[in-house]
Amino acid sequence: MTSPPKLAPADDFYLAAHDGIGGRLLLSDRVLGVGLAAALLGELMFWRRLRPDGVLLHVVDATPTGDPASSAVLKRMAGGPGPYGAGQWIHYFAAEATELIERRLIVAGVMRLETKRRLLGAGTTSLVLTDPKSPGEPAARIRTHLSYNEDLDVADLMLAGLVLATGLDEFVLDTCNPRDRARLSDQFRRHLPPPLAHLVAQARNLTADAVPAAAR
């Protein structure tokens, strides 16, 4: 059996943040936006469009990536008054990141618009997953690598970091035993580049700010 094609990190984070049964969102809208915005900035680092300098992110190449979502973020960053820190950019893009990724997933055929007709009145249109199993695939991939003591690639390490930073691990990595979690921590230490580790840390800080104190 062949493995499903791997999606971009922000797409994987979006899927992991939804329940396969009914597509229920496992995070708040705000925290989802934080995770997606951080993942999009990470994608631009993979594209070599951003260069970190201390806490600041500089656009070093404003050439569109060929992907509408990351290109939209890049265009805004290149045309802005920055540079700003990673946390500021995550905060800035959190409100629109979900829409950018949903559009990308529709184009990729991972999601589709579905209209439910009513006998009386207008129908309702909503986004649904093309394959109900797809939300479980990113986390299953991470869990499998950890259980076999295999190294995650850098994109999946960033994804795992954002899963932990946003509290999504409570839902999707809950079956990982202490040994596997220790392996993940070790991989973060050895293989996650400092700029991506900083990005994950900023997402964690913004997630903490988005959660009411009474709920912590």
N, C-alpha and C. Protein backbone atom coordinates (compact mmCIF):
# COMPACT_ATOMS: atom_id res chain seq x y z
N MET A 1 0.86 -1.19 0.00
CA MET A 1 0.00 0.00 0.00
C MET A 1 0.89 1.24 0.00
N THR A 2 0.61 2.20 -0.86
CA THR A 2 1.39 3.42 -0.89
C THR A 2 0.86 4.41 0.13
N SER A 3 1.77 5.23 0.68
CA SER A 3 1.36 6.24 1.64
C SER A 3 0.71 7.40 0.91
N PRO A 4 -0.22 8.11 1.57
CA PRO A 4 -0.84 9.27 0.93
C PRO A 4 0.21 10.36 0.73
N PRO A 5 0.06 11.17 -0.33
CA PRO A 5 1.03 12.23 -0.55
C PRO A 5 1.05 13.20 0.63
N LYS A 6 2.24 13.65 0.97
CA LYS A 6 2.39 14.54 2.10
C LYS A 6 2.02 15.97 1.71
N LEU A 7 1.25 16.63 2.55
CA LEU A 7 0.83 18.00 2.29
C LEU A 7 1.82 18.97 2.93
N ALA A 8 1.65 20.25 2.64
CA ALA A 8 2.46 21.28 3.27
C ALA A 8 2.14 21.32 4.77
N PRO A 9 3.08 21.80 5.60
CA PRO A 9 2.87 21.78 7.06
C PRO A 9 1.59 22.46 7.52
N ALA A 10 1.25 23.61 6.94
CA ALA A 10 0.03 24.29 7.38
C ALA A 10 -1.22 23.48 7.05
N ASP A 11 -1.21 22.80 5.90
CA ASP A 11 -2.34 21.93 5.54
C ASP A 11 -2.45 20.77 6.53
N ASP A 12 -1.31 20.17 6.85
CA ASP A 12 -1.31 19.07 7.81
C ASP A 12 -1.81 19.53 9.18
N PHE A 13 -1.39 20.72 9.59
CA PHE A 13 -1.85 21.22 10.89
C PHE A 13 -3.36 21.43 10.88
N TYR A 14 -3.87 21.99 9.80
CA TYR A 14 -5.33 22.19 9.69
C TYR A 14 -6.07 20.87 9.82
N LEU A 15 -5.60 19.87 9.09
CA LEU A 15 -6.27 18.57 9.14
C LEU A 15 -6.20 17.97 10.54
N ALA A 16 -5.00 18.01 11.14
CA ALA A 16 -4.83 17.42 12.47
C ALA A 16 -5.72 18.10 13.50
N ALA A 17 -6.06 19.36 13.26
CA ALA A 17 -6.87 20.12 14.21
C ALA A 17 -8.36 19.85 14.08
N HIS A 18 -8.73 18.91 13.22
CA HIS A 18 -10.14 18.57 13.03
C HIS A 18 -10.38 17.09 13.29
N ASP A 19 -11.53 16.79 13.83
CA ASP A 19 -11.93 15.42 14.06
C ASP A 19 -12.42 14.83 12.73
N GLY A 20 -12.02 13.60 12.46
CA GLY A 20 -12.43 12.96 11.23
C GLY A 20 -13.92 12.68 11.17
N ILE A 21 -14.56 12.59 12.32
CA ILE A 21 -16.00 12.32 12.37
C ILE A 21 -16.73 13.65 12.45
N GLY A 22 -17.28 14.08 11.34
CA GLY A 22 -18.02 15.34 11.33
C GLY A 22 -17.15 16.56 11.12
N GLY A 23 -15.82 16.41 11.12
CA GLY A 23 -14.94 17.55 10.88
C GLY A 23 -14.94 18.58 11.99
N ARG A 24 -15.21 18.15 13.23
CA ARG A 24 -15.27 19.09 14.36
C ARG A 24 -13.89 19.66 14.65
N LEU A 25 -13.83 20.99 14.85
CA LEU A 25 -12.58 21.66 15.18
C LEU A 25 -12.22 21.36 16.63
N LEU A 26 -10.97 20.93 16.85
CA LEU A 26 -10.52 20.53 18.18
C LEU A 26 -9.91 21.70 18.96
N LEU A 27 -9.68 22.81 18.30
CA LEU A 27 -9.11 23.99 18.93
C LEU A 27 -10.07 25.16 18.78
N SER A 28 -9.80 26.25 19.49
CA SER A 28 -10.57 27.46 19.24
C SER A 28 -10.15 28.04 17.89
N ASP A 29 -11.01 28.87 17.31
CA ASP A 29 -10.69 29.49 16.03
C ASP A 29 -9.40 30.29 16.12
N ARG A 30 -9.21 31.00 17.24
CA ARG A 30 -8.03 31.84 17.40
C ARG A 30 -6.75 30.99 17.47
N VAL A 31 -6.79 29.92 18.23
CA VAL A 31 -5.60 29.07 18.36
C VAL A 31 -5.30 28.38 17.04
N LEU A 32 -6.33 27.96 16.32
CA LEU A 32 -6.11 27.39 14.99
C LEU A 32 -5.39 28.39 14.11
N GLY A 33 -5.84 29.65 14.13
CA GLY A 33 -5.21 30.68 13.32
C GLY A 33 -3.76 30.90 13.69
N VAL A 34 -3.45 30.84 14.98
CA VAL A 34 -2.06 30.99 15.43
C VAL A 34 -1.19 29.87 14.87
N GLY A 35 -1.67 28.64 14.99
CA GLY A 35 -0.89 27.50 14.49
C GLY A 35 -0.69 27.57 12.98
N LEU A 36 -1.72 27.97 12.25
CA LEU A 36 -1.62 28.03 10.80
C LEU A 36 -0.70 29.17 10.35
N ALA A 37 -0.80 30.32 11.03
CA ALA A 37 0.07 31.45 10.68
C ALA A 37 1.53 31.09 10.91
N ALA A 38 1.82 30.43 12.03
CA ALA A 38 3.19 30.00 12.30
C ALA A 38 3.67 29.01 11.25
N ALA A 39 2.80 28.08 10.87
CA ALA A 39 3.18 27.08 9.86
C ALA A 39 3.45 27.73 8.51
N LEU A 40 2.67 28.74 8.14
CA LEU A 40 2.89 29.43 6.87
C LEU A 40 4.23 30.17 6.88
N LEU A 41 4.57 30.79 8.01
CA LEU A 41 5.89 31.44 8.11
C LEU A 41 7.00 30.40 7.99
N GLY A 42 6.78 29.24 8.60
CA GLY A 42 7.75 28.15 8.48
C GLY A 42 7.90 27.71 7.03
N GLU A 43 6.79 27.62 6.31
CA GLU A 43 6.86 27.24 4.90
C GLU A 43 7.71 28.24 4.11
N LEU A 44 7.56 29.53 4.43
CA LEU A 44 8.35 30.55 3.73
C LEU A 44 9.84 30.43 4.06
N MET A 45 10.14 29.94 5.26
CA MET A 45 11.54 29.66 5.58
C MET A 45 12.05 28.49 4.74
N PHE A 46 11.22 27.47 4.57
CA PHE A 46 11.61 26.35 3.71
C PHE A 46 11.82 26.81 2.27
N TRP A 47 11.01 27.77 1.83
CA TRP A 47 11.14 28.33 0.49
C TRP A 47 12.33 29.29 0.39
N ARG A 48 13.00 29.53 1.49
CA ARG A 48 14.13 30.48 1.55
C ARG A 48 13.71 31.89 1.17
N ARG A 49 12.50 32.26 1.54
CA ARG A 49 12.03 33.62 1.31
C ARG A 49 12.25 34.51 2.54
N LEU A 50 12.43 33.91 3.70
CA LEU A 50 12.62 34.66 4.94
C LEU A 50 13.96 34.30 5.56
N ARG A 51 14.56 35.29 6.18
CA ARG A 51 15.81 35.05 6.91
C ARG A 51 15.66 35.62 8.31
N PRO A 52 15.81 34.80 9.34
CA PRO A 52 15.76 35.32 10.70
C PRO A 52 17.05 36.03 11.06
N ASP A 53 16.92 37.14 11.77
CA ASP A 53 18.07 37.87 12.28
C ASP A 53 17.75 38.23 13.73
N GLY A 54 18.24 37.40 14.64
CA GLY A 54 17.83 37.55 16.03
C GLY A 54 16.36 37.18 16.14
N VAL A 55 15.56 38.09 16.66
CA VAL A 55 14.12 37.82 16.80
C VAL A 55 13.34 38.31 15.58
N LEU A 56 14.00 39.02 14.66
CA LEU A 56 13.30 39.60 13.52
C LEU A 56 13.32 38.66 12.32
N LEU A 57 12.28 38.80 11.48
CA LEU A 57 12.22 38.06 10.22
C LEU A 57 12.35 39.04 9.07
N HIS A 58 13.30 38.80 8.18
CA HIS A 58 13.52 39.65 7.02
C HIS A 58 13.11 38.91 5.76
N VAL A 59 12.41 39.61 4.87
CA VAL A 59 12.13 39.06 3.54
C VAL A 59 13.39 39.23 2.70
N VAL A 60 13.96 38.13 2.25
CA VAL A 60 15.18 38.19 1.43
C VAL A 60 14.90 37.88 -0.03
N ASP A 61 13.71 37.38 -0.31
CA ASP A 61 13.32 37.09 -1.69
C ASP A 61 11.81 37.20 -1.78
N ALA A 62 11.33 38.22 -2.48
CA ALA A 62 9.89 38.46 -2.57
C ALA A 62 9.24 37.75 -3.74
N THR A 63 9.99 36.89 -4.43
CA THR A 63 9.44 36.14 -5.55
C THR A 63 8.32 35.21 -5.07
N PRO A 64 7.14 35.26 -5.68
CA PRO A 64 6.06 34.35 -5.26
C PRO A 64 6.51 32.89 -5.30
N THR A 65 5.96 32.12 -4.40
CA THR A 65 6.36 30.71 -4.28
C THR A 65 5.66 29.81 -5.29
N GLY A 66 4.61 30.33 -5.92
CA GLY A 66 3.79 29.49 -6.78
C GLY A 66 2.59 28.93 -6.05
N ASP A 67 2.55 29.12 -4.75
CA ASP A 67 1.42 28.70 -3.91
C ASP A 67 0.69 29.96 -3.44
N PRO A 68 -0.62 30.08 -3.68
CA PRO A 68 -1.33 31.31 -3.34
C PRO A 68 -1.29 31.66 -1.85
N ALA A 69 -1.35 30.68 -0.96
CA ALA A 69 -1.40 30.97 0.47
C ALA A 69 -0.09 31.58 0.97
N SER A 70 1.01 30.89 0.74
CA SER A 70 2.29 31.41 1.21
C SER A 70 2.69 32.67 0.44
N SER A 71 2.31 32.76 -0.83
CA SER A 71 2.63 33.96 -1.62
C SER A 71 1.88 35.18 -1.10
N ALA A 72 0.65 34.99 -0.64
CA ALA A 72 -0.12 36.10 -0.09
C ALA A 72 0.53 36.63 1.19
N VAL A 73 1.00 35.71 2.03
CA VAL A 73 1.69 36.12 3.25
C VAL A 73 2.99 36.83 2.91
N LEU A 74 3.73 36.29 1.97
CA LEU A 74 5.00 36.89 1.57
C LEU A 74 4.80 38.29 1.00
N LYS A 75 3.81 38.46 0.17
CA LYS A 75 3.54 39.77 -0.43
C LYS A 75 3.24 40.80 0.65
N ARG A 76 2.44 40.43 1.63
CA ARG A 76 2.10 41.34 2.72
C ARG A 76 3.33 41.70 3.53
N MET A 77 4.18 40.72 3.79
CA MET A 77 5.39 40.98 4.56
C MET A 77 6.36 41.88 3.79
N ALA A 78 6.49 41.62 2.48
CA ALA A 78 7.42 42.40 1.67
C ALA A 78 6.96 43.84 1.51
N GLY A 79 5.64 44.06 1.50
CA GLY A 79 5.10 45.40 1.30
C GLY A 79 4.86 46.17 2.58
N GLY A 80 5.10 45.52 3.73
CA GLY A 80 4.84 46.15 5.01
C GLY A 80 6.01 46.98 5.50
N PRO A 81 5.82 47.63 6.64
CA PRO A 81 6.88 48.49 7.19
C PRO A 81 7.92 47.75 8.00
N GLY A 82 7.82 46.42 8.10
CA GLY A 82 8.71 45.61 8.94
C GLY A 82 10.18 45.93 8.75
N PRO A 83 11.08 45.06 9.19
CA PRO A 83 10.75 43.71 9.68
C PRO A 83 10.21 43.71 11.10
N TYR A 84 9.43 42.68 11.40
CA TYR A 84 8.91 42.47 12.74
C TYR A 84 9.39 41.11 13.24
N GLY A 85 9.15 40.87 14.51
CA GLY A 85 9.48 39.58 15.08
C GLY A 85 8.48 38.52 14.66
N ALA A 86 8.87 37.26 14.83
CA ALA A 86 8.01 36.14 14.43
C ALA A 86 6.68 36.19 15.16
N GLY A 87 6.70 36.50 16.45
CA GLY A 87 5.47 36.56 17.21
C GLY A 87 4.51 37.61 16.69
N GLN A 88 5.05 38.76 16.28
CA GLN A 88 4.20 39.82 15.74
C GLN A 88 3.56 39.40 14.43
N TRP A 89 4.36 38.74 13.58
CA TRP A 89 3.80 38.29 12.31
C TRP A 89 2.77 37.20 12.51
N ILE A 90 3.00 36.27 13.43
CA ILE A 90 2.00 35.23 13.70
C ILE A 90 0.70 35.87 14.16
N HIS A 91 0.81 36.81 15.08
CA HIS A 91 -0.38 37.52 15.58
C HIS A 91 -1.10 38.23 14.43
N TYR A 92 -0.33 38.83 13.54
CA TYR A 92 -0.89 39.60 12.43
C TYR A 92 -1.66 38.71 11.47
N PHE A 93 -1.11 37.54 11.15
CA PHE A 93 -1.72 36.68 10.13
C PHE A 93 -2.72 35.67 10.70
N ALA A 94 -2.83 35.58 12.01
CA ALA A 94 -3.69 34.56 12.62
C ALA A 94 -5.14 34.69 12.19
N ALA A 95 -5.60 35.92 11.97
CA ALA A 95 -7.01 36.14 11.64
C ALA A 95 -7.37 35.65 10.24
N GLU A 96 -6.40 35.63 9.31
CA GLU A 96 -6.71 35.26 7.94
C GLU A 96 -6.11 33.94 7.50
N ALA A 97 -5.27 33.35 8.35
CA ALA A 97 -4.57 32.13 7.95
C ALA A 97 -5.53 30.98 7.65
N THR A 98 -6.60 30.86 8.42
CA THR A 98 -7.53 29.75 8.21
C THR A 98 -8.16 29.81 6.83
N GLU A 99 -8.58 31.00 6.43
CA GLU A 99 -9.20 31.15 5.10
C GLU A 99 -8.19 30.83 4.00
N LEU A 100 -6.95 31.26 4.16
CA LEU A 100 -5.93 30.98 3.16
C LEU A 100 -5.72 29.47 2.99
N ILE A 101 -5.68 28.76 4.10
CA ILE A 101 -5.43 27.32 4.03
C ILE A 101 -6.66 26.57 3.53
N GLU A 102 -7.84 27.00 3.91
CA GLU A 102 -9.05 26.34 3.40
C GLU A 102 -9.14 26.48 1.89
N ARG A 103 -8.78 27.64 1.37
CA ARG A 103 -8.78 27.79 -0.10
C ARG A 103 -7.77 26.83 -0.73
N ARG A 104 -6.61 26.70 -0.12
CA ARG A 104 -5.59 25.82 -0.67
C ARG A 104 -6.04 24.37 -0.64
N LEU A 105 -6.73 23.98 0.41
CA LEU A 105 -7.20 22.61 0.52
C LEU A 105 -8.32 22.31 -0.46
N ILE A 106 -9.13 23.33 -0.77
CA ILE A 106 -10.18 23.14 -1.78
C ILE A 106 -9.54 22.92 -3.15
N VAL A 107 -8.55 23.74 -3.48
CA VAL A 107 -7.86 23.60 -4.78
C VAL A 107 -7.20 22.23 -4.88
N ALA A 108 -6.66 21.75 -3.75
CA ALA A 108 -5.98 20.45 -3.74
C ALA A 108 -6.95 19.28 -3.74
N GLY A 109 -8.24 19.56 -3.58
CA GLY A 109 -9.23 18.50 -3.56
C GLY A 109 -9.36 17.80 -2.22
N VAL A 110 -8.72 18.34 -1.19
CA VAL A 110 -8.79 17.74 0.14
C VAL A 110 -10.11 18.11 0.82
N MET A 111 -10.66 19.29 0.47
CA MET A 111 -11.94 19.72 0.99
C MET A 111 -12.82 20.16 -0.18
N ARG A 112 -14.10 20.21 0.09
CA ARG A 112 -15.02 20.67 -0.95
C ARG A 112 -16.18 21.40 -0.29
N LEU A 113 -16.81 22.26 -1.07
CA LEU A 113 -18.02 22.94 -0.60
C LEU A 113 -19.21 22.04 -0.86
N GLU A 114 -20.04 21.87 0.15
CA GLU A 114 -21.21 21.00 0.04
C GLU A 114 -22.45 21.78 0.46
N THR A 115 -23.45 21.74 -0.37
CA THR A 115 -24.70 22.45 -0.10
C THR A 115 -25.79 21.45 0.29
N LYS A 116 -26.40 21.69 1.42
CA LYS A 116 -27.52 20.85 1.86
C LYS A 116 -28.82 21.58 1.55
N ARG A 117 -29.65 20.90 0.76
CA ARG A 117 -30.91 21.50 0.34
C ARG A 117 -31.96 21.37 1.45
N ARG A 118 -32.85 22.32 1.48
CA ARG A 118 -33.97 22.28 2.41
C ARG A 118 -35.28 22.34 1.63
N LEU A 119 -36.30 21.73 2.22
CA LEU A 119 -37.60 21.77 1.56
C LEU A 119 -38.13 23.20 1.50
N LEU A 120 -37.90 23.93 2.58
CA LEU A 120 -38.33 25.32 2.65
C LEU A 120 -37.12 26.20 2.94
N GLY A 121 -36.98 27.28 2.20
CA GLY A 121 -35.89 28.19 2.45
C GLY A 121 -34.63 27.80 1.69
N ALA A 122 -33.62 28.66 1.83
CA ALA A 122 -32.36 28.44 1.12
C ALA A 122 -31.55 27.32 1.77
N GLY A 123 -30.73 26.66 0.98
CA GLY A 123 -29.87 25.62 1.51
C GLY A 123 -28.68 26.23 2.24
N THR A 124 -27.93 25.39 2.91
CA THR A 124 -26.75 25.84 3.63
C THR A 124 -25.51 25.20 3.00
N THR A 125 -24.46 26.00 2.85
CA THR A 125 -23.22 25.53 2.25
C THR A 125 -22.13 25.50 3.29
N SER A 126 -21.40 24.41 3.35
CA SER A 126 -20.32 24.28 4.33
C SER A 126 -19.14 23.54 3.70
N LEU A 127 -17.99 23.66 4.35
CA LEU A 127 -16.79 22.95 3.91
C LEU A 127 -16.77 21.57 4.53
N VAL A 128 -16.51 20.57 3.73
CA VAL A 128 -16.42 19.21 4.26
C VAL A 128 -15.14 18.56 3.72
N LEU A 129 -14.66 17.58 4.44
CA LEU A 129 -13.48 16.84 4.02
C LEU A 129 -13.84 15.84 2.94
N THR A 130 -13.02 15.77 1.91
CA THR A 130 -13.26 14.80 0.85
C THR A 130 -13.08 13.38 1.37
N ASP A 131 -12.07 13.18 2.22
CA ASP A 131 -11.81 11.88 2.83
C ASP A 131 -11.86 12.04 4.35
N PRO A 132 -12.84 11.46 5.03
CA PRO A 132 -12.95 11.61 6.49
C PRO A 132 -11.74 11.10 7.26
N LYS A 133 -10.92 10.27 6.62
CA LYS A 133 -9.74 9.73 7.31
C LYS A 133 -8.56 10.71 7.30
N SER A 134 -8.61 11.73 6.45
CA SER A 134 -7.45 12.60 6.26
C SER A 134 -7.01 13.35 7.52
N PRO A 135 -7.91 13.76 8.43
CA PRO A 135 -7.43 14.46 9.62
C PRO A 135 -6.49 13.62 10.49
N GLY A 136 -6.65 12.33 10.46
CA GLY A 136 -5.82 11.48 11.31
C GLY A 136 -4.45 11.17 10.75
N GLU A 137 -4.23 11.47 9.46
CA GLU A 137 -2.98 11.05 8.82
C GLU A 137 -1.73 11.77 9.31
N PRO A 138 -1.75 13.11 9.50
CA PRO A 138 -0.51 13.77 9.96
C PRO A 138 -0.03 13.27 11.32
N ALA A 139 -0.94 13.17 12.29
CA ALA A 139 -0.54 12.71 13.62
C ALA A 139 -0.14 11.24 13.61
N ALA A 140 -0.83 10.43 12.80
CA ALA A 140 -0.48 9.01 12.71
C ALA A 140 0.93 8.84 12.15
N ARG A 141 1.28 9.68 11.20
CA ARG A 141 2.63 9.63 10.63
C ARG A 141 3.68 9.93 11.71
N ILE A 142 3.42 10.95 12.51
CA ILE A 142 4.35 11.32 13.58
C ILE A 142 4.44 10.21 14.61
N ARG A 143 3.30 9.67 15.03
CA ARG A 143 3.30 8.62 16.05
C ARG A 143 4.04 7.38 15.55
N THR A 144 3.84 7.05 14.28
CA THR A 144 4.50 5.86 13.72
C THR A 144 6.01 6.01 13.73
N HIS A 145 6.50 7.15 13.28
CA HIS A 145 7.95 7.37 13.27
C HIS A 145 8.52 7.29 14.68
N LEU A 146 7.82 7.87 15.64
CA LEU A 146 8.32 7.85 17.01
C LEU A 146 8.32 6.43 17.57
N SER A 147 7.27 5.67 17.29
CA SER A 147 7.19 4.32 17.84
C SER A 147 8.28 3.41 17.29
N TYR A 148 8.74 3.70 16.06
CA TYR A 148 9.83 2.91 15.46
C TYR A 148 11.20 3.57 15.68
N ASN A 149 11.21 4.62 16.50
CA ASN A 149 12.45 5.34 16.81
C ASN A 149 13.11 5.87 15.54
N GLU A 150 12.30 6.39 14.64
CA GLU A 150 12.78 6.96 13.39
C GLU A 150 12.76 8.49 13.48
N ASP A 151 13.72 9.11 12.82
CA ASP A 151 13.77 10.57 12.83
C ASP A 151 12.66 11.16 11.97
N LEU A 152 12.02 12.19 12.48
CA LEU A 152 11.08 12.96 11.69
C LEU A 152 11.87 13.92 10.80
N ASP A 153 11.33 14.23 9.62
CA ASP A 153 11.98 15.27 8.83
C ASP A 153 11.67 16.62 9.47
N VAL A 154 12.34 17.66 8.99
CA VAL A 154 12.23 18.96 9.64
C VAL A 154 10.80 19.50 9.57
N ALA A 155 10.11 19.28 8.45
CA ALA A 155 8.74 19.77 8.32
C ALA A 155 7.83 19.11 9.37
N ASP A 156 7.98 17.81 9.57
CA ASP A 156 7.16 17.12 10.57
C ASP A 156 7.57 17.48 11.99
N LEU A 157 8.85 17.79 12.20
CA LEU A 157 9.27 18.27 13.51
C LEU A 157 8.61 19.60 13.83
N MET A 158 8.56 20.51 12.86
CA MET A 158 7.87 21.78 13.08
C MET A 158 6.39 21.54 13.34
N LEU A 159 5.79 20.65 12.55
CA LEU A 159 4.38 20.32 12.74
C LEU A 159 4.14 19.78 14.14
N ALA A 160 4.99 18.85 14.60
CA ALA A 160 4.84 18.29 15.94
C ALA A 160 5.02 19.37 16.99
N GLY A 161 5.96 20.29 16.75
CA GLY A 161 6.16 21.38 17.69
C GLY A 161 4.92 22.26 17.81
N LEU A 162 4.28 22.54 16.69
CA LEU A 162 3.06 23.36 16.72
C LEU A 162 1.89 22.60 17.34
N VAL A 163 1.85 21.29 17.14
CA VAL A 163 0.83 20.48 17.80
C VAL A 163 0.96 20.61 19.32
N LEU A 164 2.18 20.54 19.82
CA LEU A 164 2.42 20.68 21.25
C LEU A 164 2.16 22.11 21.71
N ALA A 165 2.60 23.08 20.93
CA ALA A 165 2.49 24.49 21.32
C ALA A 165 1.05 24.94 21.47
N THR A 166 0.16 24.37 20.66
CA THR A 166 -1.25 24.79 20.67
C THR A 166 -2.13 23.90 21.55
N GLY A 167 -1.54 22.89 22.18
CA GLY A 167 -2.33 21.99 23.01
C GLY A 167 -3.06 20.92 22.21
N LEU A 168 -2.79 20.85 20.91
CA LEU A 168 -3.47 19.84 20.08
C LEU A 168 -3.01 18.44 20.42
N ASP A 169 -1.84 18.31 21.04
CA ASP A 169 -1.34 16.97 21.40
C ASP A 169 -2.27 16.24 22.34
N GLU A 170 -3.06 17.00 23.11
CA GLU A 170 -4.03 16.38 24.02
C GLU A 170 -5.01 15.49 23.27
N PHE A 171 -5.24 15.81 22.00
CA PHE A 171 -6.20 15.06 21.19
C PHE A 171 -5.52 14.08 20.24
N VAL A 172 -4.38 14.48 19.64
CA VAL A 172 -3.83 13.67 18.55
C VAL A 172 -2.56 12.91 18.91
N LEU A 173 -1.92 13.27 20.02
CA LEU A 173 -0.74 12.52 20.47
C LEU A 173 -0.98 11.89 21.83
N ASP A 174 -2.25 11.75 22.20
CA ASP A 174 -2.59 11.26 23.53
C ASP A 174 -2.19 9.80 23.73
N THR A 175 -2.00 9.06 22.63
CA THR A 175 -1.61 7.65 22.77
C THR A 175 -0.09 7.46 22.80
N CYS A 176 0.66 8.55 22.63
CA CYS A 176 2.12 8.43 22.71
C CYS A 176 2.54 8.14 24.15
N ASN A 177 3.36 7.12 24.32
CA ASN A 177 3.81 6.81 25.68
C ASN A 177 4.98 7.72 26.05
N PRO A 178 5.39 7.72 27.34
CA PRO A 178 6.48 8.60 27.78
C PRO A 178 7.77 8.40 26.99
N ARG A 179 8.05 7.17 26.57
CA ARG A 179 9.26 6.92 25.79
C ARG A 179 9.22 7.66 24.46
N ASP A 180 8.07 7.60 23.78
CA ASP A 180 7.95 8.26 22.49
C ASP A 180 8.00 9.78 22.64
N ARG A 181 7.41 10.29 23.70
CA ARG A 181 7.47 11.74 23.94
C ARG A 181 8.90 12.18 24.24
N ALA A 182 9.63 11.33 24.94
CA ALA A 182 11.04 11.64 25.21
C ALA A 182 11.83 11.65 23.91
N ARG A 183 11.52 10.71 23.02
CA ARG A 183 12.19 10.68 21.72
C ARG A 183 11.90 11.96 20.93
N LEU A 184 10.66 12.42 21.01
CA LEU A 184 10.29 13.64 20.30
C LEU A 184 11.06 14.84 20.87
N SER A 185 11.13 14.94 22.17
CA SER A 185 11.88 16.03 22.80
C SER A 185 13.35 16.00 22.38
N ASP A 186 13.91 14.80 22.30
CA ASP A 186 15.31 14.67 21.89
C ASP A 186 15.48 15.11 20.44
N GLN A 187 14.52 14.77 19.59
CA GLN A 187 14.62 15.19 18.20
C GLN A 187 14.50 16.70 18.06
N PHE A 188 13.63 17.30 18.85
CA PHE A 188 13.54 18.76 18.85
C PHE A 188 14.92 19.36 19.16
N ARG A 189 15.55 18.84 20.18
CA ARG A 189 16.84 19.37 20.63
C ARG A 189 17.92 19.19 19.57
N ARG A 190 17.90 18.04 18.89
CA ARG A 190 19.00 17.73 17.97
C ARG A 190 18.76 18.20 16.54
N HIS A 191 17.50 18.25 16.10
CA HIS A 191 17.26 18.42 14.67
C HIS A 191 16.41 19.62 14.27
N LEU A 192 15.69 20.24 15.21
CA LEU A 192 14.84 21.37 14.82
C LEU A 192 15.70 22.64 14.76
N PRO A 193 15.83 23.25 13.58
CA PRO A 193 16.66 24.45 13.46
C PRO A 193 16.18 25.55 14.41
N PRO A 194 17.10 26.31 15.00
CA PRO A 194 16.72 27.36 15.97
C PRO A 194 15.64 28.33 15.46
N PRO A 195 15.67 28.79 14.19
CA PRO A 195 14.61 29.70 13.75
C PRO A 195 13.22 29.07 13.82
N LEU A 196 13.12 27.77 13.51
CA LEU A 196 11.83 27.09 13.60
C LEU A 196 11.45 26.84 15.05
N ALA A 197 12.43 26.55 15.89
CA ALA A 197 12.16 26.39 17.32
C ALA A 197 11.64 27.70 17.91
N HIS A 198 12.21 28.82 17.47
CA HIS A 198 11.74 30.13 17.92
C HIS A 198 10.30 30.38 17.45
N LEU A 199 10.01 29.99 16.22
CA LEU A 199 8.66 30.14 15.67
C LEU A 199 7.66 29.36 16.52
N VAL A 200 8.01 28.13 16.86
CA VAL A 200 7.14 27.29 17.69
C VAL A 200 6.95 27.93 19.07
N ALA A 201 8.03 28.46 19.64
CA ALA A 201 7.94 29.09 20.97
C ALA A 201 7.01 30.30 20.93
N GLN A 202 7.08 31.08 19.86
CA GLN A 202 6.20 32.24 19.74
C GLN A 202 4.74 31.81 19.60
N ALA A 203 4.50 30.73 18.87
CA ALA A 203 3.13 30.21 18.76
C ALA A 203 2.63 29.76 20.12
N ARG A 204 3.51 29.15 20.92
CA ARG A 204 3.12 28.72 22.27
C ARG A 204 2.74 29.93 23.13
N ASN A 205 3.53 30.99 23.04
CA ASN A 205 3.24 32.19 23.83
C ASN A 205 1.90 32.79 23.43
N LEU A 206 1.63 32.88 22.14
CA LEU A 206 0.38 33.45 21.67
C LEU A 206 -0.81 32.57 22.01
N THR A 207 -0.60 31.25 22.00
CA THR A 207 -1.68 30.33 22.40
C THR A 207 -2.02 30.53 23.87
N ALA A 208 -1.01 30.69 24.70
CA ALA A 208 -1.24 30.92 26.13
C ALA A 208 -2.02 32.22 26.33
N ASP A 209 -1.71 33.23 25.54
CA ASP A 209 -2.43 34.51 25.64
C ASP A 209 -3.88 34.39 25.19
N ALA A 210 -4.13 33.43 24.28
CA ALA A 210 -5.49 33.28 23.73
C ALA A 210 -6.39 32.47 24.63
N VAL A 211 -5.82 31.76 25.62
CA VAL A 211 -6.60 30.90 26.51
C VAL A 211 -6.92 31.69 27.78
N PRO A 212 -8.20 31.83 28.14
CA PRO A 212 -8.54 32.52 29.38
C PRO A 212 -7.87 31.87 30.57
N ALA A 213 -7.47 32.68 31.55
CA ALA A 213 -6.76 32.17 32.71
C ALA A 213 -7.55 31.09 33.43
N ALA A 214 -8.88 31.22 33.50
CA ALA A 214 -9.70 30.24 34.21
C ALA A 214 -9.69 28.87 33.54
N ALA A 215 -9.33 28.85 32.23
CA ALA A 215 -9.35 27.59 31.49
C ALA A 215 -8.01 26.89 31.50
N ARG A 216 -6.97 27.54 32.05
CA ARG A 216 -5.64 26.92 32.04
C ARG A 216 -5.47 25.92 33.16
